[in-house]
Amino acid sequence: MLSVSRAFTASLAMAAVILFCRALPFLFFSGKKTPRFLSFVEIYMPALAMTVLALSPYASLEWSKAPHGFPEVLAGLLVVGLHLWKRNPLLSILGGTALYMILAY
């Protein structure tokens, strides 16, 4: 277990690194035009990250064993349906999670 002083020092170091990482773009690009690559990343990275997070659980499914991914696929379809219907991300996530928990356990 960490002592209080070590935990405080580690927290301070993490805060400094985070502050540096947050300030870095402003230091590099102050007064300059943002490069096209970074503009592209800024636009498409959130959607790409959400897609990877949404699809990665399906990669480890045992499709050959019962229940053959049924709870996961049904919960995923419910998430998509709820989101297209209500356009509320919190409702979509909670609804899909609740259905998965009911079906899987």
N, C-alpha and C. Protein backbone atom coordinates (compact mmCIF):
# COMPACT_ATOMS: atom_id res chain seq x y z
N MET A 1 0.84 -1.18 0.00
CA MET A 1 0.00 0.00 0.00
C MET A 1 0.89 1.25 0.00
N LEU A 2 0.46 2.26 -0.72
CA LEU A 2 1.23 3.50 -0.81
C LEU A 2 1.07 4.33 0.45
N SER A 3 2.15 4.99 0.81
CA SER A 3 2.04 5.95 1.91
C SER A 3 1.35 7.20 1.37
N VAL A 4 0.92 8.04 2.29
CA VAL A 4 0.22 9.26 1.89
C VAL A 4 1.13 10.16 1.07
N SER A 5 2.38 10.27 1.46
CA SER A 5 3.29 11.15 0.72
C SER A 5 3.57 10.62 -0.69
N ARG A 6 3.70 9.30 -0.83
CA ARG A 6 3.93 8.73 -2.17
C ARG A 6 2.69 8.89 -3.04
N ALA A 7 1.51 8.68 -2.47
CA ALA A 7 0.27 8.86 -3.23
C ALA A 7 0.12 10.31 -3.67
N PHE A 8 0.44 11.25 -2.78
CA PHE A 8 0.36 12.66 -3.11
C PHE A 8 1.35 13.01 -4.21
N THR A 9 2.57 12.50 -4.11
CA THR A 9 3.59 12.75 -5.13
C THR A 9 3.17 12.17 -6.48
N ALA A 10 2.62 10.96 -6.47
CA ALA A 10 2.16 10.35 -7.72
C ALA A 10 1.02 11.16 -8.32
N SER A 11 0.09 11.62 -7.49
CA SER A 11 -1.02 12.44 -7.98
C SER A 11 -0.52 13.75 -8.57
N LEU A 12 0.45 14.36 -7.91
CA LEU A 12 1.03 15.60 -8.41
C LEU A 12 1.72 15.38 -9.75
N ALA A 13 2.46 14.29 -9.88
CA ALA A 13 3.14 13.97 -11.14
C ALA A 13 2.12 13.74 -12.26
N MET A 14 1.06 13.00 -11.96
CA MET A 14 0.02 12.77 -12.98
C MET A 14 -0.65 14.07 -13.39
N ALA A 15 -0.92 14.94 -12.43
CA ALA A 15 -1.54 16.23 -12.74
C ALA A 15 -0.63 17.06 -13.64
N ALA A 16 0.67 17.05 -13.36
CA ALA A 16 1.62 17.82 -14.18
C ALA A 16 1.68 17.28 -15.60
N VAL A 17 1.70 15.97 -15.75
CA VAL A 17 1.73 15.36 -17.09
C VAL A 17 0.46 15.68 -17.85
N ILE A 18 -0.69 15.58 -17.19
CA ILE A 18 -1.96 15.89 -17.85
C ILE A 18 -2.00 17.36 -18.26
N LEU A 19 -1.57 18.25 -17.38
CA LEU A 19 -1.55 19.67 -17.71
C LEU A 19 -0.64 19.94 -18.90
N PHE A 20 0.53 19.30 -18.92
CA PHE A 20 1.46 19.47 -20.04
C PHE A 20 0.84 18.97 -21.34
N CYS A 21 0.20 17.80 -21.29
CA CYS A 21 -0.43 17.24 -22.50
C CYS A 21 -1.57 18.12 -22.99
N ARG A 22 -2.31 18.71 -22.07
CA ARG A 22 -3.42 19.59 -22.47
C ARG A 22 -2.90 20.90 -23.06
N ALA A 23 -1.76 21.39 -22.56
CA ALA A 23 -1.22 22.67 -23.02
C ALA A 23 -0.39 22.53 -24.28
N LEU A 24 0.08 21.33 -24.58
CA LEU A 24 0.98 21.10 -25.71
C LEU A 24 0.44 21.62 -27.05
N PRO A 25 -0.81 21.32 -27.41
CA PRO A 25 -1.30 21.84 -28.70
C PRO A 25 -1.30 23.36 -28.77
N PHE A 26 -1.60 24.01 -27.65
CA PHE A 26 -1.60 25.48 -27.66
C PHE A 26 -0.18 26.02 -27.80
N LEU A 27 0.79 25.33 -27.23
CA LEU A 27 2.18 25.76 -27.36
C LEU A 27 2.69 25.57 -28.79
N PHE A 28 2.32 24.46 -29.42
CA PHE A 28 2.79 24.17 -30.77
C PHE A 28 2.10 25.01 -31.84
N PHE A 29 0.81 25.23 -31.69
CA PHE A 29 0.04 25.81 -32.79
C PHE A 29 -0.48 27.21 -32.49
N SER A 30 0.07 27.89 -31.52
CA SER A 30 -0.41 29.25 -31.24
C SER A 30 -0.01 30.16 -32.40
N GLY A 31 -1.00 30.81 -32.96
CA GLY A 31 -0.76 31.72 -34.06
C GLY A 31 -0.53 31.05 -35.40
N LYS A 32 -0.63 29.74 -35.47
CA LYS A 32 -0.42 29.02 -36.73
C LYS A 32 -1.72 28.33 -37.13
N LYS A 33 -1.80 28.01 -38.40
CA LYS A 33 -2.94 27.25 -38.90
C LYS A 33 -2.78 25.79 -38.49
N THR A 34 -3.86 25.18 -38.03
CA THR A 34 -3.82 23.78 -37.62
C THR A 34 -3.58 22.90 -38.85
N PRO A 35 -2.66 21.94 -38.76
CA PRO A 35 -2.41 21.04 -39.90
C PRO A 35 -3.66 20.26 -40.30
N ARG A 36 -3.74 19.93 -41.59
CA ARG A 36 -4.91 19.21 -42.10
C ARG A 36 -5.11 17.87 -41.40
N PHE A 37 -4.01 17.18 -41.11
CA PHE A 37 -4.12 15.88 -40.46
C PHE A 37 -4.79 16.01 -39.10
N LEU A 38 -4.41 17.01 -38.32
CA LEU A 38 -5.02 17.19 -37.01
C LEU A 38 -6.49 17.60 -37.12
N SER A 39 -6.82 18.37 -38.14
CA SER A 39 -8.23 18.72 -38.36
C SER A 39 -9.03 17.46 -38.68
N PHE A 40 -8.46 16.59 -39.49
CA PHE A 40 -9.11 15.32 -39.83
C PHE A 40 -9.31 14.48 -38.57
N VAL A 41 -8.27 14.36 -37.76
CA VAL A 41 -8.35 13.57 -36.52
C VAL A 41 -9.40 14.16 -35.59
N GLU A 42 -9.44 15.47 -35.49
CA GLU A 42 -10.40 16.14 -34.62
C GLU A 42 -11.84 15.85 -35.04
N ILE A 43 -12.07 15.75 -36.33
CA ILE A 43 -13.43 15.52 -36.83
C ILE A 43 -13.83 14.05 -36.69
N TYR A 44 -12.95 13.13 -37.06
CA TYR A 44 -13.35 11.72 -37.18
C TYR A 44 -12.97 10.83 -36.00
N MET A 45 -12.09 11.24 -35.13
CA MET A 45 -11.64 10.37 -34.04
C MET A 45 -12.75 10.02 -33.05
N PRO A 46 -13.62 10.95 -32.64
CA PRO A 46 -14.67 10.54 -31.69
C PRO A 46 -15.57 9.44 -32.24
N ALA A 47 -15.99 9.55 -33.49
CA ALA A 47 -16.84 8.52 -34.08
C ALA A 47 -16.09 7.21 -34.23
N LEU A 48 -14.82 7.28 -34.59
CA LEU A 48 -14.01 6.07 -34.72
C LEU A 48 -13.84 5.38 -33.38
N ALA A 49 -13.57 6.14 -32.34
CA ALA A 49 -13.40 5.56 -31.01
C ALA A 49 -14.69 4.91 -30.53
N MET A 50 -15.82 5.55 -30.76
CA MET A 50 -17.10 4.97 -30.34
C MET A 50 -17.41 3.70 -31.12
N THR A 51 -17.07 3.68 -32.40
CA THR A 51 -17.30 2.48 -33.21
C THR A 51 -16.45 1.32 -32.71
N VAL A 52 -15.20 1.58 -32.42
CA VAL A 52 -14.32 0.52 -31.91
C VAL A 52 -14.84 0.01 -30.57
N LEU A 53 -15.24 0.91 -29.69
CA LEU A 53 -15.77 0.50 -28.39
C LEU A 53 -17.07 -0.28 -28.52
N ALA A 54 -17.89 0.08 -29.50
CA ALA A 54 -19.18 -0.61 -29.67
C ALA A 54 -19.01 -1.99 -30.30
N LEU A 55 -18.05 -2.15 -31.20
CA LEU A 55 -17.90 -3.41 -31.91
C LEU A 55 -16.91 -4.38 -31.29
N SER A 56 -16.01 -3.91 -30.45
CA SER A 56 -14.98 -4.80 -29.90
C SER A 56 -15.53 -5.94 -29.05
N PRO A 57 -16.63 -5.79 -28.31
CA PRO A 57 -17.13 -6.95 -27.56
C PRO A 57 -17.57 -8.11 -28.45
N TYR A 58 -17.97 -7.84 -29.66
CA TYR A 58 -18.44 -8.90 -30.55
C TYR A 58 -17.28 -9.78 -31.04
N ALA A 59 -16.06 -9.29 -30.96
CA ALA A 59 -14.91 -10.06 -31.44
C ALA A 59 -14.62 -11.27 -30.56
N SER A 60 -14.96 -11.20 -29.29
CA SER A 60 -14.63 -12.29 -28.37
C SER A 60 -15.80 -13.23 -28.10
N LEU A 61 -16.86 -13.10 -28.86
CA LEU A 61 -18.03 -13.97 -28.64
C LEU A 61 -17.76 -15.39 -29.10
N GLU A 62 -18.34 -16.33 -28.42
CA GLU A 62 -18.30 -17.74 -28.81
C GLU A 62 -19.55 -18.02 -29.65
N TRP A 63 -19.44 -17.81 -30.96
CA TRP A 63 -20.60 -17.97 -31.84
C TRP A 63 -21.03 -19.43 -31.96
N SER A 64 -20.12 -20.36 -31.70
CA SER A 64 -20.45 -21.78 -31.87
C SER A 64 -21.08 -22.40 -30.63
N LYS A 65 -21.06 -21.70 -29.51
CA LYS A 65 -21.64 -22.22 -28.27
C LYS A 65 -22.90 -21.44 -27.93
N ALA A 66 -23.86 -22.16 -27.32
CA ALA A 66 -25.09 -21.50 -26.89
C ALA A 66 -24.74 -20.45 -25.85
N PRO A 67 -25.37 -19.33 -25.85
CA PRO A 67 -26.52 -18.87 -26.63
C PRO A 67 -26.16 -18.20 -27.95
N HIS A 68 -24.99 -18.49 -28.51
CA HIS A 68 -24.58 -18.05 -29.85
C HIS A 68 -24.57 -16.53 -30.02
N GLY A 69 -24.28 -15.79 -28.96
CA GLY A 69 -24.22 -14.33 -29.06
C GLY A 69 -25.58 -13.66 -29.05
N PHE A 70 -26.63 -14.42 -28.78
CA PHE A 70 -27.99 -13.87 -28.81
C PHE A 70 -28.16 -12.67 -27.88
N PRO A 71 -27.76 -12.73 -26.59
CA PRO A 71 -27.95 -11.57 -25.72
C PRO A 71 -27.20 -10.33 -26.21
N GLU A 72 -25.98 -10.53 -26.69
CA GLU A 72 -25.18 -9.39 -27.13
C GLU A 72 -25.77 -8.74 -28.38
N VAL A 73 -26.15 -9.56 -29.34
CA VAL A 73 -26.70 -9.02 -30.59
C VAL A 73 -28.04 -8.34 -30.34
N LEU A 74 -28.90 -8.96 -29.54
CA LEU A 74 -30.20 -8.37 -29.25
C LEU A 74 -30.05 -7.05 -28.49
N ALA A 75 -29.14 -7.02 -27.51
CA ALA A 75 -28.90 -5.78 -26.77
C ALA A 75 -28.33 -4.70 -27.69
N GLY A 76 -27.43 -5.09 -28.59
CA GLY A 76 -26.88 -4.13 -29.54
C GLY A 76 -27.95 -3.56 -30.47
N LEU A 77 -28.85 -4.42 -30.93
CA LEU A 77 -29.95 -3.95 -31.78
C LEU A 77 -30.88 -3.02 -31.02
N LEU A 78 -31.11 -3.33 -29.74
CA LEU A 78 -31.95 -2.44 -28.93
C LEU A 78 -31.29 -1.07 -28.77
N VAL A 79 -29.98 -1.06 -28.56
CA VAL A 79 -29.26 0.22 -28.44
C VAL A 79 -29.43 1.04 -29.71
N VAL A 80 -29.23 0.41 -30.85
CA VAL A 80 -29.38 1.13 -32.13
C VAL A 80 -30.81 1.61 -32.31
N GLY A 81 -31.78 0.73 -32.04
CA GLY A 81 -33.18 1.11 -32.19
C GLY A 81 -33.59 2.25 -31.27
N LEU A 82 -33.21 2.15 -30.00
CA LEU A 82 -33.54 3.23 -29.06
C LEU A 82 -32.89 4.54 -29.47
N HIS A 83 -31.66 4.46 -29.94
CA HIS A 83 -30.98 5.70 -30.32
C HIS A 83 -31.61 6.33 -31.57
N LEU A 84 -31.97 5.50 -32.54
CA LEU A 84 -32.63 6.06 -33.72
C LEU A 84 -34.01 6.62 -33.39
N TRP A 85 -34.66 6.01 -32.41
CA TRP A 85 -36.01 6.44 -32.04
C TRP A 85 -35.99 7.69 -31.16
N LYS A 86 -35.20 7.69 -30.09
CA LYS A 86 -35.24 8.78 -29.12
C LYS A 86 -34.06 9.75 -29.21
N ARG A 87 -32.99 9.36 -29.87
CA ARG A 87 -31.78 10.20 -29.97
C ARG A 87 -31.26 10.61 -28.59
N ASN A 88 -31.30 9.68 -27.66
CA ASN A 88 -30.84 9.93 -26.30
C ASN A 88 -29.78 8.88 -25.95
N PRO A 89 -28.50 9.25 -25.96
CA PRO A 89 -27.45 8.26 -25.72
C PRO A 89 -27.57 7.56 -24.37
N LEU A 90 -27.93 8.29 -23.33
CA LEU A 90 -28.04 7.67 -22.01
C LEU A 90 -29.13 6.62 -21.98
N LEU A 91 -30.27 6.92 -22.57
CA LEU A 91 -31.37 5.95 -22.64
C LEU A 91 -30.94 4.73 -23.46
N SER A 92 -30.25 4.94 -24.55
CA SER A 92 -29.80 3.84 -25.39
C SER A 92 -28.84 2.92 -24.64
N ILE A 93 -27.87 3.51 -23.97
CA ILE A 93 -26.88 2.71 -23.24
C ILE A 93 -27.53 1.97 -22.09
N LEU A 94 -28.35 2.65 -21.31
CA LEU A 94 -29.01 2.00 -20.17
C LEU A 94 -29.97 0.91 -20.62
N GLY A 95 -30.72 1.16 -21.69
CA GLY A 95 -31.65 0.15 -22.19
C GLY A 95 -30.94 -1.09 -22.68
N GLY A 96 -29.88 -0.90 -23.45
CA GLY A 96 -29.11 -2.04 -23.95
C GLY A 96 -28.43 -2.81 -22.84
N THR A 97 -27.89 -2.10 -21.87
CA THR A 97 -27.24 -2.76 -20.73
C THR A 97 -28.24 -3.55 -19.92
N ALA A 98 -29.41 -2.97 -19.66
CA ALA A 98 -30.43 -3.67 -18.88
C ALA A 98 -30.89 -4.93 -19.60
N LEU A 99 -31.15 -4.83 -20.91
CA LEU A 99 -31.58 -6.02 -21.65
C LEU A 99 -30.50 -7.09 -21.65
N TYR A 100 -29.26 -6.69 -21.82
CA TYR A 100 -28.17 -7.67 -21.80
C TYR A 100 -28.09 -8.37 -20.45
N MET A 101 -28.20 -7.61 -19.38
CA MET A 101 -28.13 -8.21 -18.04
C MET A 101 -29.28 -9.18 -17.80
N ILE A 102 -30.45 -8.83 -18.28
CA ILE A 102 -31.61 -9.72 -18.12
C ILE A 102 -31.41 -11.01 -18.92
N LEU A 103 -30.94 -10.89 -20.15
CA LEU A 103 -30.78 -12.07 -21.00
C LEU A 103 -29.58 -12.93 -20.63
N ALA A 104 -28.50 -12.31 -20.18
CA ALA A 104 -27.27 -13.05 -19.95
C ALA A 104 -27.20 -13.70 -18.57
N TYR A 105 -27.95 -13.18 -17.61
CA TYR A 105 -27.81 -13.71 -16.25
C TYR A 105 -29.09 -14.21 -15.70
